[in-house]
Amino acid sequence: MPKSTPQDIVVNPANAAVIIVLTVHEGSESVVRGVLADAPGLIRAVGFRAKADRLTATVGVGSDAWDRIVGGARPASLHPFAPVEGEKPRAPATPGDVILHIRAQRFDLCFELARQFMARLDGHVTVQDETHAFKYFDERDLLGFVDGTENPEGDAAVEAVLVGDEDPDFQGGSHLIVQKYLHDLTAWNDQSVEEQEKVIGRTKLDDIELPDDVKPSNSHVAANSLTDADGNDLQILRENMIFGEVGAGEYGTYFIGYAGDPEVTETMLRRMFIGDPPGNYDRILDFSSATTGSLFFMPTVDQLESLAD
């Protein structure tokens, strides 16, 4: 597969999202392949009705379904999501053959595109998870802290999320890891602001990273800060969104992490759930529990459209 146009991964933050994780029924591979091939055109058709509200979507395929749906060569780094078992917290692996990550400034656009996709896929897939998500005030999560402060921007973001010439047949694609986290807001809100800041590693009001001599080594910021052997930062692009059901008392963060190399994200997760050294796990996991985990490869636009052949 030649290099081609990436999907819309590096885009301006959206106000609303629908994320759907699917498994594909045996015998339905050709139908799903056709929907994936038509995805770029379907996204354009729905988005054309309200261009200013910036409807975008990415679609991806999981490792277990790649040979069934796409076939041929495989992305070098595509593999099933591996569960992470720490002394206390756990990051489970859950089924996922196809993902739809839909974003816009208005929820109705996300809903309409999701509806169009699912009308085509009806009877051929099982929905493993569907989450309707939203931005919360000034880019904060439900814990009250700004989320995504350290996201790369511009050329740095493109470099972080896209496969390069290390895998030339899939250059321009990306890897996506998603996890759904539920928060214990009662326990969290019982903590003082000072204690919450130590858990996160940043100030709550003005979003300033704590000094190294104050920031605990098991804070969320410390656990997610990686460098290579030369001291260069290793980065991913987080598109995290908030979700919740007031009646059910469930509130959380949907982690959405794009990376050219999924090992960067996986290393962050090992540091979070196991700790470095082991046992020094991310303290945010005393208040947040991962309930899902899947890894997908996001082909380029041309690779998607070529599935029609």
C-alpha atoms as a PDB file:
ATOM      1  CA  MET A   1       0.000   0.000   0.000  1.00  0.00           C
ATOM      2  CA  PRO A   2       1.565   3.349  -1.010  1.00  0.00           C
ATOM      3  CA  LYS A   3       1.788   6.445   1.150  1.00  0.00           C
ATOM      4  CA  SER A   4      -1.395   8.484   0.978  1.00  0.00           C
ATOM      5  CA  THR A   5      -3.507  11.085   2.785  1.00  0.00           C
ATOM      6  CA  PRO A   6      -3.950  10.449   6.520  1.00  0.00           C
ATOM      7  CA  GLN A   7      -7.389  10.407   8.064  1.00  0.00           C
ATOM      8  CA  ASP A   8      -8.414  13.494  10.038  1.00  0.00           C
ATOM      9  CA  ILE A   9      -6.547  12.719  13.251  1.00  0.00           C
ATOM     10  CA  VAL A  10      -4.791  16.007  14.006  1.00  0.00           C
ATOM     11  CA  VAL A  11      -7.748  18.402  14.097  1.00  0.00           C
ATOM     12  CA  ASN A  12      -8.997  21.224  16.288  1.00  0.00           C
ATOM     13  CA  PRO A  13     -10.664  20.098  19.533  1.00  0.00           C
ATOM     14  CA  ALA A  14     -14.313  19.149  19.172  1.00  0.00           C
ATOM     15  CA  ASN A  15     -17.202  19.761  21.551  1.00  0.00           C
ATOM     16  CA  ALA A  16     -18.949  16.430  20.991  1.00  0.00           C
ATOM     17  CA  ALA A  17     -18.062  12.891  20.010  1.00  0.00           C
ATOM     18  CA  VAL A  18     -19.536   9.458  19.437  1.00  0.00           C
ATOM     19  CA  ILE A  19     -17.187   6.498  19.809  1.00  0.00           C
ATOM     20  CA  ILE A  20     -18.434   3.070  18.724  1.00  0.00           C
ATOM     21  CA  VAL A  21     -16.468  -0.177  19.066  1.00  0.00           C
ATOM     22  CA  LEU A  22     -17.788  -3.091  16.991  1.00  0.00           C
ATOM     23  CA  THR A  23     -17.146  -6.758  16.403  1.00  0.00           C
ATOM     24  CA  VAL A  24     -17.848  -8.176  12.946  1.00  0.00           C
ATOM     25  CA  HIS A  25     -20.042 -11.219  12.393  1.00  0.00           C
ATOM     26  CA  GLU A  26     -18.548 -14.170  10.553  1.00  0.00           C
ATOM     27  CA  GLY A  27     -19.571 -13.930   6.915  1.00  0.00           C
ATOM     28  CA  SER A  28     -20.091 -10.160   7.020  1.00  0.00           C
ATOM     29  CA  GLU A  29     -16.546  -9.185   6.125  1.00  0.00           C
ATOM     30  CA  SER A  30     -17.344  -8.008   2.582  1.00  0.00           C
ATOM     31  CA  VAL A  31     -20.161  -5.750   3.821  1.00  0.00           C
ATOM     32  CA  VAL A  32     -17.932  -4.176   6.450  1.00  0.00           C
ATOM     33  CA  ARG A  33     -15.127  -3.806   3.915  1.00  0.00           C
ATOM     34  CA  GLY A  34     -17.495  -1.889   1.657  1.00  0.00           C
ATOM     35  CA  VAL A  35     -18.582   0.441   4.456  1.00  0.00           C
ATOM     36  CA  LEU A  36     -14.965   1.182   5.358  1.00  0.00           C
ATOM     37  CA  ALA A  37     -14.213   1.921   1.702  1.00  0.00           C
ATOM     38  CA  ASP A  38     -17.147   4.338   1.574  1.00  0.00           C
ATOM     39  CA  ALA A  39     -16.313   5.984   4.927  1.00  0.00           C
ATOM     40  CA  PRO A  40     -14.420   9.028   3.553  1.00  0.00           C
ATOM     41  CA  GLY A  41     -17.287   9.849   1.194  1.00  0.00           C
ATOM     42  CA  LEU A  42     -19.941   9.310   3.851  1.00  0.00           C
ATOM     43  CA  ILE A  43     -18.115  11.650   6.243  1.00  0.00           C
ATOM     44  CA  ARG A  44     -17.929  14.334   3.532  1.00  0.00           C
ATOM     45  CA  ALA A  45     -21.600  13.946   2.646  1.00  0.00           C
ATOM     46  CA  VAL A  46     -22.871  14.435   6.198  1.00  0.00           C
ATOM     47  CA  GLY A  47     -20.339  17.143   7.049  1.00  0.00           C
ATOM     48  CA  PHE A  48     -21.179  19.166   3.921  1.00  0.00           C
ATOM     49  CA  ARG A  49     -24.531  20.045   5.494  1.00  0.00           C
ATOM     50  CA  ALA A  50     -22.850  22.086   8.246  1.00  0.00           C
ATOM     51  CA  LYS A  51     -19.273  22.821   7.249  1.00  0.00           C
ATOM     52  CA  ALA A  52     -18.659  25.352  10.027  1.00  0.00           C
ATOM     53  CA  ASP A  53     -19.233  22.699  12.678  1.00  0.00           C
ATOM     54  CA  ARG A  54     -16.253  20.626  11.522  1.00  0.00           C
ATOM     55  CA  LEU A  55     -17.569  17.071  11.414  1.00  0.00           C
ATOM     56  CA  THR A  56     -14.673  14.632  11.220  1.00  0.00           C
ATOM     57  CA  ALA A  57     -14.329  10.927  11.813  1.00  0.00           C
ATOM     58  CA  THR A  58     -11.681   8.250  11.804  1.00  0.00           C
ATOM     59  CA  VAL A  59     -12.223   4.533  11.326  1.00  0.00           C
ATOM     60  CA  GLY A  60      -9.869   1.729  12.265  1.00  0.00           C
ATOM     61  CA  VAL A  61      -9.483  -2.034  12.290  1.00  0.00           C
ATOM     62  CA  GLY A  62      -8.266  -4.257  15.115  1.00  0.00           C
ATOM     63  CA  SER A  63      -5.611  -6.941  14.846  1.00  0.00           C
ATOM     64  CA  ASP A  64      -7.947  -9.935  15.097  1.00  0.00           C
ATOM     65  CA  ALA A  65     -10.087  -8.632  12.235  1.00  0.00           C
ATOM     66  CA  TRP A  66      -7.368  -7.278   9.941  1.00  0.00           C
ATOM     67  CA  ASP A  67      -6.786 -10.451   7.940  1.00  0.00           C
ATOM     68  CA  ARG A  68     -10.544 -11.082   7.661  1.00  0.00           C
ATOM     69  CA  ILE A  69     -11.504  -7.571   6.538  1.00  0.00           C
ATOM     70  CA  VAL A  70      -8.447  -6.032   4.879  1.00  0.00           C
ATOM     71  CA  GLY A  71      -6.178  -8.960   4.063  1.00  0.00           C
ATOM     72  CA  GLY A  72      -2.766  -8.799   2.445  1.00  0.00           C
ATOM     73  CA  ALA A  73       0.102  -7.106   4.238  1.00  0.00           C
ATOM     74  CA  ARG A  74      -0.301  -6.151   7.899  1.00  0.00           C
ATOM     75  CA  PRO A  75       0.937  -3.004   9.667  1.00  0.00           C
ATOM     76  CA  ALA A  76       4.162  -3.982  11.411  1.00  0.00           C
ATOM     77  CA  SER A  77       3.085  -2.779  14.861  1.00  0.00           C
ATOM     78  CA  LEU A  78      -0.562  -3.906  14.826  1.00  0.00           C
ATOM     79  CA  HIS A  79      -1.332  -6.462  17.536  1.00  0.00           C
ATOM     80  CA  PRO A  80      -4.099  -7.182  20.036  1.00  0.00           C
ATOM     81  CA  PHE A  81      -4.294  -4.877  23.041  1.00  0.00           C
ATOM     82  CA  ALA A  82      -2.460  -6.556  25.913  1.00  0.00           C
ATOM     83  CA  PRO A  83      -4.076  -6.269  29.362  1.00  0.00           C
ATOM     84  CA  VAL A  84      -1.878  -4.698  32.025  1.00  0.00           C
ATOM     85  CA  GLU A  85      -1.940  -6.260  35.487  1.00  0.00           C
ATOM     86  CA  GLY A  86      -0.571  -4.222  38.381  1.00  0.00           C
ATOM     87  CA  GLU A  87      -0.495  -5.025  42.071  1.00  0.00           C
ATOM     88  CA  LYS A  88      -3.841  -3.282  42.502  1.00  0.00           C
ATOM     89  CA  PRO A  89      -5.155  -1.593  39.321  1.00  0.00           C
ATOM     90  CA  ARG A  90      -5.880  -3.463  36.083  1.00  0.00           C
ATOM     91  CA  ALA A  91      -6.187  -2.411  32.454  1.00  0.00           C
ATOM     92  CA  PRO A  92      -8.406  -5.029  30.771  1.00  0.00           C
ATOM     93  CA  ALA A  93      -8.480  -5.977  27.100  1.00  0.00           C
ATOM     94  CA  THR A  94     -11.941  -6.030  25.518  1.00  0.00           C
ATOM     95  CA  PRO A  95     -13.174  -7.070  22.040  1.00  0.00           C
ATOM     96  CA  GLY A  96     -12.915  -4.662  19.131  1.00  0.00           C
ATOM     97  CA  ASP A  97     -12.742  -5.348  15.385  1.00  0.00           C
ATOM     98  CA  VAL A  98     -13.697  -1.871  14.091  1.00  0.00           C
ATOM     99  CA  ILE A  99     -13.834   1.559  15.702  1.00  0.00           C
ATOM    100  CA  LEU A 100     -15.734   4.685  14.647  1.00  0.00           C
ATOM    101  CA  HIS A 101     -14.395   7.877  16.271  1.00  0.00           C
ATOM    102  CA  ILE A 102     -16.728  10.714  15.279  1.00  0.00           C
ATOM    103  CA  ARG A 103     -16.200  14.367  16.321  1.00  0.00           C
ATOM    104  CA  ALA A 104     -17.886  17.716  15.680  1.00  0.00           C
ATOM    105  CA  GLN A 105     -18.818  21.001  17.307  1.00  0.00           C
ATOM    106  CA  ARG A 106     -22.450  19.820  17.484  1.00  0.00           C
ATOM    107  CA  PHE A 107     -23.690  16.492  18.787  1.00  0.00           C
ATOM    108  CA  ASP A 108     -26.439  16.178  16.163  1.00  0.00           C
ATOM    109  CA  LEU A 109     -23.808  15.884  13.421  1.00  0.00           C
ATOM    110  CA  CYS A 110     -22.023  13.113  15.326  1.00  0.00           C
ATOM    111  CA  PHE A 111     -25.327  11.341  15.848  1.00  0.00           C
ATOM    112  CA  GLU A 112     -26.331  11.592  12.190  1.00  0.00           C
ATOM    113  CA  LEU A 113     -23.033  10.202  10.929  1.00  0.00           C
ATOM    114  CA  ALA A 114     -23.152   7.370  13.476  1.00  0.00           C
ATOM    115  CA  ARG A 115     -26.718   6.608  12.370  1.00  0.00           C
ATOM    116  CA  GLN A 116     -25.680   6.454   8.721  1.00  0.00           C
ATOM    117  CA  PHE A 117     -22.791   4.113   9.494  1.00  0.00           C
ATOM    118  CA  MET A 118     -24.924   1.813  11.610  1.00  0.00           C
ATOM    119  CA  ALA A 119     -27.713   1.698   9.016  1.00  0.00           C
ATOM    120  CA  ARG A 120     -25.179   0.238   6.589  1.00  0.00           C
ATOM    121  CA  LEU A 121     -23.769  -2.156   9.198  1.00  0.00           C
ATOM    122  CA  ASP A 122     -27.099  -3.319  10.643  1.00  0.00           C
ATOM    123  CA  GLY A 123     -27.166  -7.095  11.069  1.00  0.00           C
ATOM    124  CA  HIS A 124     -23.453  -7.455  10.344  1.00  0.00           C
ATOM    125  CA  VAL A 125     -21.844  -6.214  13.568  1.00  0.00           C
ATOM    126  CA  THR A 126     -22.300  -6.280  17.335  1.00  0.00           C
ATOM    127  CA  VAL A 127     -21.835  -3.045  19.263  1.00  0.00           C
ATOM    128  CA  GLN A 128     -19.381  -3.750  22.071  1.00  0.00           C
ATOM    129  CA  ASP A 129     -19.400  -0.170  23.327  1.00  0.00           C
ATOM    130  CA  GLU A 130     -21.087   3.067  22.304  1.00  0.00           C
ATOM    131  CA  THR A 131     -20.163   6.249  24.140  1.00  0.00           C
ATOM    132  CA  HIS A 132     -21.609   9.729  23.633  1.00  0.00           C
ATOM    133  CA  ALA A 133     -19.016  12.164  24.904  1.00  0.00           C
ATOM    134  CA  PHE A 134     -18.524  15.893  25.314  1.00  0.00           C
ATOM    135  CA  LYS A 135     -16.055  18.604  26.245  1.00  0.00           C
ATOM    136  CA  TYR A 136     -16.474  19.869  29.790  1.00  0.00           C
ATOM    137  CA  PHE A 137     -16.152  23.610  30.397  1.00  0.00           C
ATOM    138  CA  ASP A 138     -12.589  24.889  29.763  1.00  0.00           C
ATOM    139  CA  GLU A 139     -11.079  21.587  28.554  1.00  0.00           C
ATOM    140  CA  ARG A 140     -11.414  20.032  32.036  1.00  0.00           C
ATOM    141  CA  ASP A 141     -12.263  16.476  32.993  1.00  0.00           C
ATOM    142  CA  LEU A 142     -14.788  15.511  35.647  1.00  0.00           C
ATOM    143  CA  LEU A 143     -12.004  15.526  38.233  1.00  0.00           C
ATOM    144  CA  GLY A 144     -11.788  19.271  37.680  1.00  0.00           C
ATOM    145  CA  PHE A 145      -8.365  19.386  36.000  1.00  0.00           C
ATOM    146  CA  VAL A 146      -7.476  20.522  32.484  1.00  0.00           C
ATOM    147  CA  ASP A 147      -6.921  17.457  30.283  1.00  0.00           C
ATOM    148  CA  GLY A 148      -4.505  17.290  27.346  1.00  0.00           C
ATOM    149  CA  THR A 149      -2.240  20.187  28.347  1.00  0.00           C
ATOM    150  CA  GLU A 150       0.885  18.427  27.079  1.00  0.00           C
ATOM    151  CA  ASN A 151      -0.559  17.426  23.703  1.00  0.00           C
ATOM    152  CA  PRO A 152       1.862  18.078  20.835  1.00  0.00           C
ATOM    153  CA  GLU A 153       0.757  20.630  18.262  1.00  0.00           C
ATOM    154  CA  GLY A 154       1.404  21.320  14.574  1.00  0.00           C
ATOM    155  CA  ASP A 155       4.248  19.368  12.992  1.00  0.00           C
ATOM    156  CA  ALA A 156       5.076  17.747  16.343  1.00  0.00           C
ATOM    157  CA  ALA A 157       1.571  16.307  16.530  1.00  0.00           C
ATOM    158  CA  VAL A 158       1.776  14.941  13.002  1.00  0.00           C
ATOM    159  CA  GLU A 159       5.147  13.356  13.759  1.00  0.00           C
ATOM    160  CA  ALA A 160       3.800  11.799  16.968  1.00  0.00           C
ATOM    161  CA  VAL A 161       0.671  10.214  15.479  1.00  0.00           C
ATOM    162  CA  LEU A 162       1.629   9.055  11.974  1.00  0.00           C
ATOM    163  CA  VAL A 163       3.556   5.984  10.917  1.00  0.00           C
ATOM    164  CA  GLY A 164       6.752   6.997   9.140  1.00  0.00           C
ATOM    165  CA  ASP A 165       9.163   5.311   6.768  1.00  0.00           C
ATOM    166  CA  GLU A 166       9.836   2.586   9.336  1.00  0.00           C
ATOM    167  CA  ASP A 167       6.768   0.841   7.852  1.00  0.00           C
ATOM    168  CA  PRO A 168       6.625   2.222   4.291  1.00  0.00           C
ATOM    169  CA  ASP A 169       3.586   0.215   3.155  1.00  0.00           C
ATOM    170  CA  PHE A 170       1.535   1.843   5.900  1.00  0.00           C
ATOM    171  CA  GLN A 171       3.146   5.269   6.059  1.00  0.00           C
ATOM    172  CA  GLY A 172       0.599   7.924   7.000  1.00  0.00           C
ATOM    173  CA  GLY A 173      -1.526   5.560   9.062  1.00  0.00           C
ATOM    174  CA  SER A 174      -1.788   5.649  12.831  1.00  0.00           C
ATOM    175  CA  HIS A 175      -2.461   3.437  15.852  1.00  0.00           C
ATOM    176  CA  LEU A 176      -5.291   4.147  18.259  1.00  0.00           C
ATOM    177  CA  ILE A 177      -5.680   2.813  21.794  1.00  0.00           C
ATOM    178  CA  VAL A 178      -8.967   3.489  23.575  1.00  0.00           C
ATOM    179  CA  GLN A 179      -9.964   2.864  27.187  1.00  0.00           C
ATOM    180  CA  LYS A 180     -13.039   3.768  29.177  1.00  0.00           C
ATOM    181  CA  TYR A 181     -12.370   4.967  32.737  1.00  0.00           C
ATOM    182  CA  LEU A 182     -15.025   5.282  35.437  1.00  0.00           C
ATOM    183  CA  HIS A 183     -14.372   7.792  38.250  1.00  0.00           C
ATOM    184  CA  ASP A 184     -15.285   7.467  41.909  1.00  0.00           C
ATOM    185  CA  LEU A 185     -16.234  11.114  42.263  1.00  0.00           C
ATOM    186  CA  THR A 186     -17.372  10.707  45.859  1.00  0.00           C
ATOM    187  CA  ALA A 187     -13.943   9.489  46.948  1.00  0.00           C
ATOM    188  CA  TRP A 188     -12.238  12.092  44.757  1.00  0.00           C
ATOM    189  CA  ASN A 189     -14.229  14.994  46.119  1.00  0.00           C
ATOM    190  CA  ASP A 190     -13.401  13.887  49.657  1.00  0.00           C
ATOM    191  CA  GLN A 191      -9.764  14.817  48.925  1.00  0.00           C
ATOM    192  CA  SER A 192      -8.492  18.320  49.581  1.00  0.00           C
ATOM    193  CA  VAL A 193      -7.465  20.382  46.556  1.00  0.00           C
ATOM    194  CA  GLU A 194      -3.842  20.100  47.679  1.00  0.00           C
ATOM    195  CA  GLU A 195      -4.074  16.303  47.754  1.00  0.00           C
ATOM    196  CA  GLN A 196      -5.798  16.242  44.356  1.00  0.00           C
ATOM    197  CA  GLU A 197      -2.990  18.337  42.902  1.00  0.00           C
ATOM    198  CA  LYS A 198      -0.433  15.813  44.184  1.00  0.00           C
ATOM    199  CA  VAL A 199      -2.388  13.006  42.528  1.00  0.00           C
ATOM    200  CA  ILE A 200      -2.443  14.804  39.170  1.00  0.00           C
ATOM    201  CA  GLY A 201       0.874  16.656  39.355  1.00  0.00           C
ATOM    202  CA  ARG A 202      -0.580  20.026  38.322  1.00  0.00           C
ATOM    203  CA  THR A 203      -2.362  22.895  40.037  1.00  0.00           C
ATOM    204  CA  LYS A 204      -6.131  22.682  39.760  1.00  0.00           C
ATOM    205  CA  LEU A 205      -7.057  26.318  39.163  1.00  0.00           C
ATOM    206  CA  ASP A 206      -4.376  27.532  36.769  1.00  0.00           C
ATOM    207  CA  ASP A 207      -3.085  24.218  35.312  1.00  0.00           C
ATOM    208  CA  ILE A 208       0.614  24.681  36.132  1.00  0.00           C
ATOM    209  CA  GLU A 209       2.806  21.601  36.495  1.00  0.00           C
ATOM    210  CA  LEU A 210       4.132  21.178  40.032  1.00  0.00           C
ATOM    211  CA  PRO A 211       7.882  21.602  40.563  1.00  0.00           C
ATOM    212  CA  ASP A 212       9.883  18.369  40.476  1.00  0.00           C
ATOM    213  CA  ASP A 213      10.687  18.608  44.181  1.00  0.00           C
ATOM    214  CA  VAL A 214       6.947  18.827  44.985  1.00  0.00           C
ATOM    215  CA  LYS A 215       5.403  16.594  42.310  1.00  0.00           C
ATOM    216  CA  PRO A 216       5.171  12.988  43.570  1.00  0.00           C
ATOM    217  CA  SER A 217       6.812  10.298  41.433  1.00  0.00           C
ATOM    218  CA  ASN A 218       3.468   8.474  41.278  1.00  0.00           C
ATOM    219  CA  SER A 219       1.485  11.490  40.108  1.00  0.00           C
ATOM    220  CA  HIS A 220      -0.411  11.199  36.828  1.00  0.00           C
ATOM    221  CA  VAL A 221       1.888  13.684  35.098  1.00  0.00           C
ATOM    222  CA  ALA A 222       5.044  11.853  36.211  1.00  0.00           C
ATOM    223  CA  ALA A 223       3.708   8.454  35.146  1.00  0.00           C
ATOM    224  CA  ASN A 224       2.862   9.721  31.658  1.00  0.00           C
ATOM    225  CA  SER A 225       6.112  11.594  30.950  1.00  0.00           C
ATOM    226  CA  LEU A 226       8.421   9.525  28.714  1.00  0.00           C
ATOM    227  CA  THR A 227      11.776  10.233  27.080  1.00  0.00           C
ATOM    228  CA  ASP A 228      13.972   8.219  24.752  1.00  0.00           C
ATOM    229  CA  ALA A 229      17.626   7.319  25.316  1.00  0.00           C
ATOM    230  CA  ASP A 230      18.682  10.775  24.090  1.00  0.00           C
ATOM    231  CA  GLY A 231      16.323  12.610  26.445  1.00  0.00           C
ATOM    232  CA  ASN A 232      13.770  13.536  23.759  1.00  0.00           C
ATOM    233  CA  ASP A 233      10.116  13.547  24.789  1.00  0.00           C
ATOM    234  CA  LEU A 234       8.021  10.644  23.485  1.00  0.00           C
ATOM    235  CA  GLN A 235       4.538  11.897  22.763  1.00  0.00           C
ATOM    236  CA  ILE A 236       1.083  10.758  21.746  1.00  0.00           C
ATOM    237  CA  LEU A 237      -2.013  12.761  20.827  1.00  0.00           C
ATOM    238  CA  ARG A 238      -4.798  12.492  23.406  1.00  0.00           C
ATOM    239  CA  GLU A 239      -8.344  13.226  22.261  1.00  0.00           C
ATOM    240  CA  ASN A 240      -9.926  12.359  25.619  1.00  0.00           C
ATOM    241  CA  MET A 241     -13.604  13.146  26.131  1.00  0.00           C
ATOM    242  CA  ILE A 242     -16.010  13.138  29.067  1.00  0.00           C
ATOM    243  CA  PHE A 243     -19.067  10.932  29.413  1.00  0.00           C
ATOM    244  CA  GLY A 244     -21.616  10.278  32.122  1.00  0.00           C
ATOM    245  CA  GLU A 245     -25.059   9.038  33.050  1.00  0.00           C
ATOM    246  CA  VAL A 246     -26.496  10.953  35.979  1.00  0.00           C
ATOM    247  CA  GLY A 247     -29.264   8.445  36.647  1.00  0.00           C
ATOM    248  CA  ALA A 248     -26.850   5.529  36.673  1.00  0.00           C
ATOM    249  CA  GLY A 249     -24.305   7.420  38.743  1.00  0.00           C
ATOM    250  CA  GLU A 250     -21.557   6.600  36.216  1.00  0.00           C
ATOM    251  CA  TYR A 251     -19.060   9.281  35.246  1.00  0.00           C
ATOM    252  CA  GLY A 252     -15.779   8.996  33.454  1.00  0.00           C
ATOM    253  CA  THR A 253     -13.152   9.810  30.881  1.00  0.00           C
ATOM    254  CA  TYR A 254     -12.858   8.085  27.522  1.00  0.00           C
ATOM    255  CA  PHE A 255      -9.128   7.829  26.799  1.00  0.00           C
ATOM    256  CA  ILE A 256      -8.359   8.215  23.090  1.00  0.00           C
ATOM    257  CA  GLY A 257      -4.647   7.978  22.317  1.00  0.00           C
ATOM    258  CA  TYR A 258      -3.240   8.207  18.781  1.00  0.00           C
ATOM    259  CA  ALA A 259       0.402   7.301  18.110  1.00  0.00           C
ATOM    260  CA  GLY A 260       2.595   6.350  15.203  1.00  0.00           C
ATOM    261  CA  ASP A 261       4.165   3.718  17.457  1.00  0.00           C
ATOM    262  CA  PRO A 262       1.697   2.054  19.853  1.00  0.00           C
ATOM    263  CA  GLU A 263       4.591   1.037  22.100  1.00  0.00           C
ATOM    264  CA  VAL A 264       4.767   4.638  23.351  1.00  0.00           C
ATOM    265  CA  THR A 265       1.170   4.480  24.590  1.00  0.00           C
ATOM    266  CA  GLU A 266       1.651   0.967  25.945  1.00  0.00           C
ATOM    267  CA  THR A 267       4.734   2.046  27.893  1.00  0.00           C
ATOM    268  CA  MET A 268       2.710   4.867  29.445  1.00  0.00           C
ATOM    269  CA  LEU A 269       0.032   2.364  30.451  1.00  0.00           C
ATOM    270  CA  ARG A 270       2.597   0.022  32.017  1.00  0.00           C
ATOM    271  CA  ARG A 271       4.009   2.931  33.989  1.00  0.00           C
ATOM    272  CA  MET A 272       0.501   3.870  35.071  1.00  0.00           C
ATOM    273  CA  PHE A 273      -0.754   0.439  36.093  1.00  0.00           C
ATOM    274  CA  ILE A 274       2.429  -1.356  37.171  1.00  0.00           C
ATOM    275  CA  GLY A 275       4.652   1.569  38.116  1.00  0.00           C
ATOM    276  CA  ASP A 276       8.304   2.401  37.644  1.00  0.00           C
ATOM    277  CA  PRO A 277       9.563   0.910  39.912  1.00  0.00           C
ATOM    278  CA  PRO A 278       6.817  -1.736  40.172  1.00  0.00           C
ATOM    279  CA  GLY A 279       4.256  -0.870  42.800  1.00  0.00           C
ATOM    280  CA  ASN A 280       4.623   2.884  42.263  1.00  0.00           C
ATOM    281  CA  TYR A 281       1.506   3.011  40.096  1.00  0.00           C
ATOM    282  CA  ASP A 282      -0.314   6.168  38.983  1.00  0.00           C
ATOM    283  CA  ARG A 283      -2.311   7.455  41.955  1.00  0.00           C
ATOM    284  CA  ILE A 284      -5.169   8.517  39.719  1.00  0.00           C
ATOM    285  CA  LEU A 285      -6.033   4.800  39.599  1.00  0.00           C
ATOM    286  CA  ASP A 286      -7.097   4.967  43.238  1.00  0.00           C
ATOM    287  CA  PHE A 287     -10.051   6.984  41.945  1.00  0.00           C
ATOM    288  CA  SER A 288     -10.445   5.816  38.321  1.00  0.00           C
ATOM    289  CA  SER A 289     -10.968   2.291  36.970  1.00  0.00           C
ATOM    290  CA  ALA A 290     -10.375   1.147  33.391  1.00  0.00           C
ATOM    291  CA  THR A 291     -13.257  -0.960  32.068  1.00  0.00           C
ATOM    292  CA  THR A 292     -12.298  -1.395  28.390  1.00  0.00           C
ATOM    293  CA  GLY A 293      -9.154  -1.542  26.262  1.00  0.00           C
ATOM    294  CA  SER A 294      -8.619  -2.032  22.513  1.00  0.00           C
ATOM    295  CA  LEU A 295      -5.994  -1.226  19.862  1.00  0.00           C
ATOM    296  CA  PHE A 296      -6.725  -0.353  16.233  1.00  0.00           C
ATOM    297  CA  PHE A 297      -4.826   0.614  13.084  1.00  0.00           C
ATOM    298  CA  MET A 298      -6.179   3.675  11.284  1.00  0.00           C
ATOM    299  CA  PRO A 299      -5.454   3.307   7.544  1.00  0.00           C
ATOM    300  CA  THR A 300      -4.951   6.291   5.280  1.00  0.00           C
ATOM    301  CA  VAL A 301      -7.850   7.636   3.211  1.00  0.00           C
ATOM    302  CA  ASP A 302      -6.509   6.032   0.030  1.00  0.00           C
ATOM    303  CA  GLN A 303      -6.056   2.712   1.796  1.00  0.00           C
ATOM    304  CA  LEU A 304      -9.659   2.818   2.938  1.00  0.00           C
ATOM    305  CA  GLU A 305     -10.984   3.718  -0.494  1.00  0.00           C
ATOM    306  CA  SER A 306      -8.873   0.969  -2.095  1.00  0.00           C
ATOM    307  CA  LEU A 307     -10.856  -1.627  -0.121  1.00  0.00           C
ATOM    308  CA  ALA A 308     -13.608  -1.188  -2.706  1.00  0.00           C
ATOM    309  CA  ASP A 309     -11.317  -2.949  -5.190  1.00  0.00           C
END
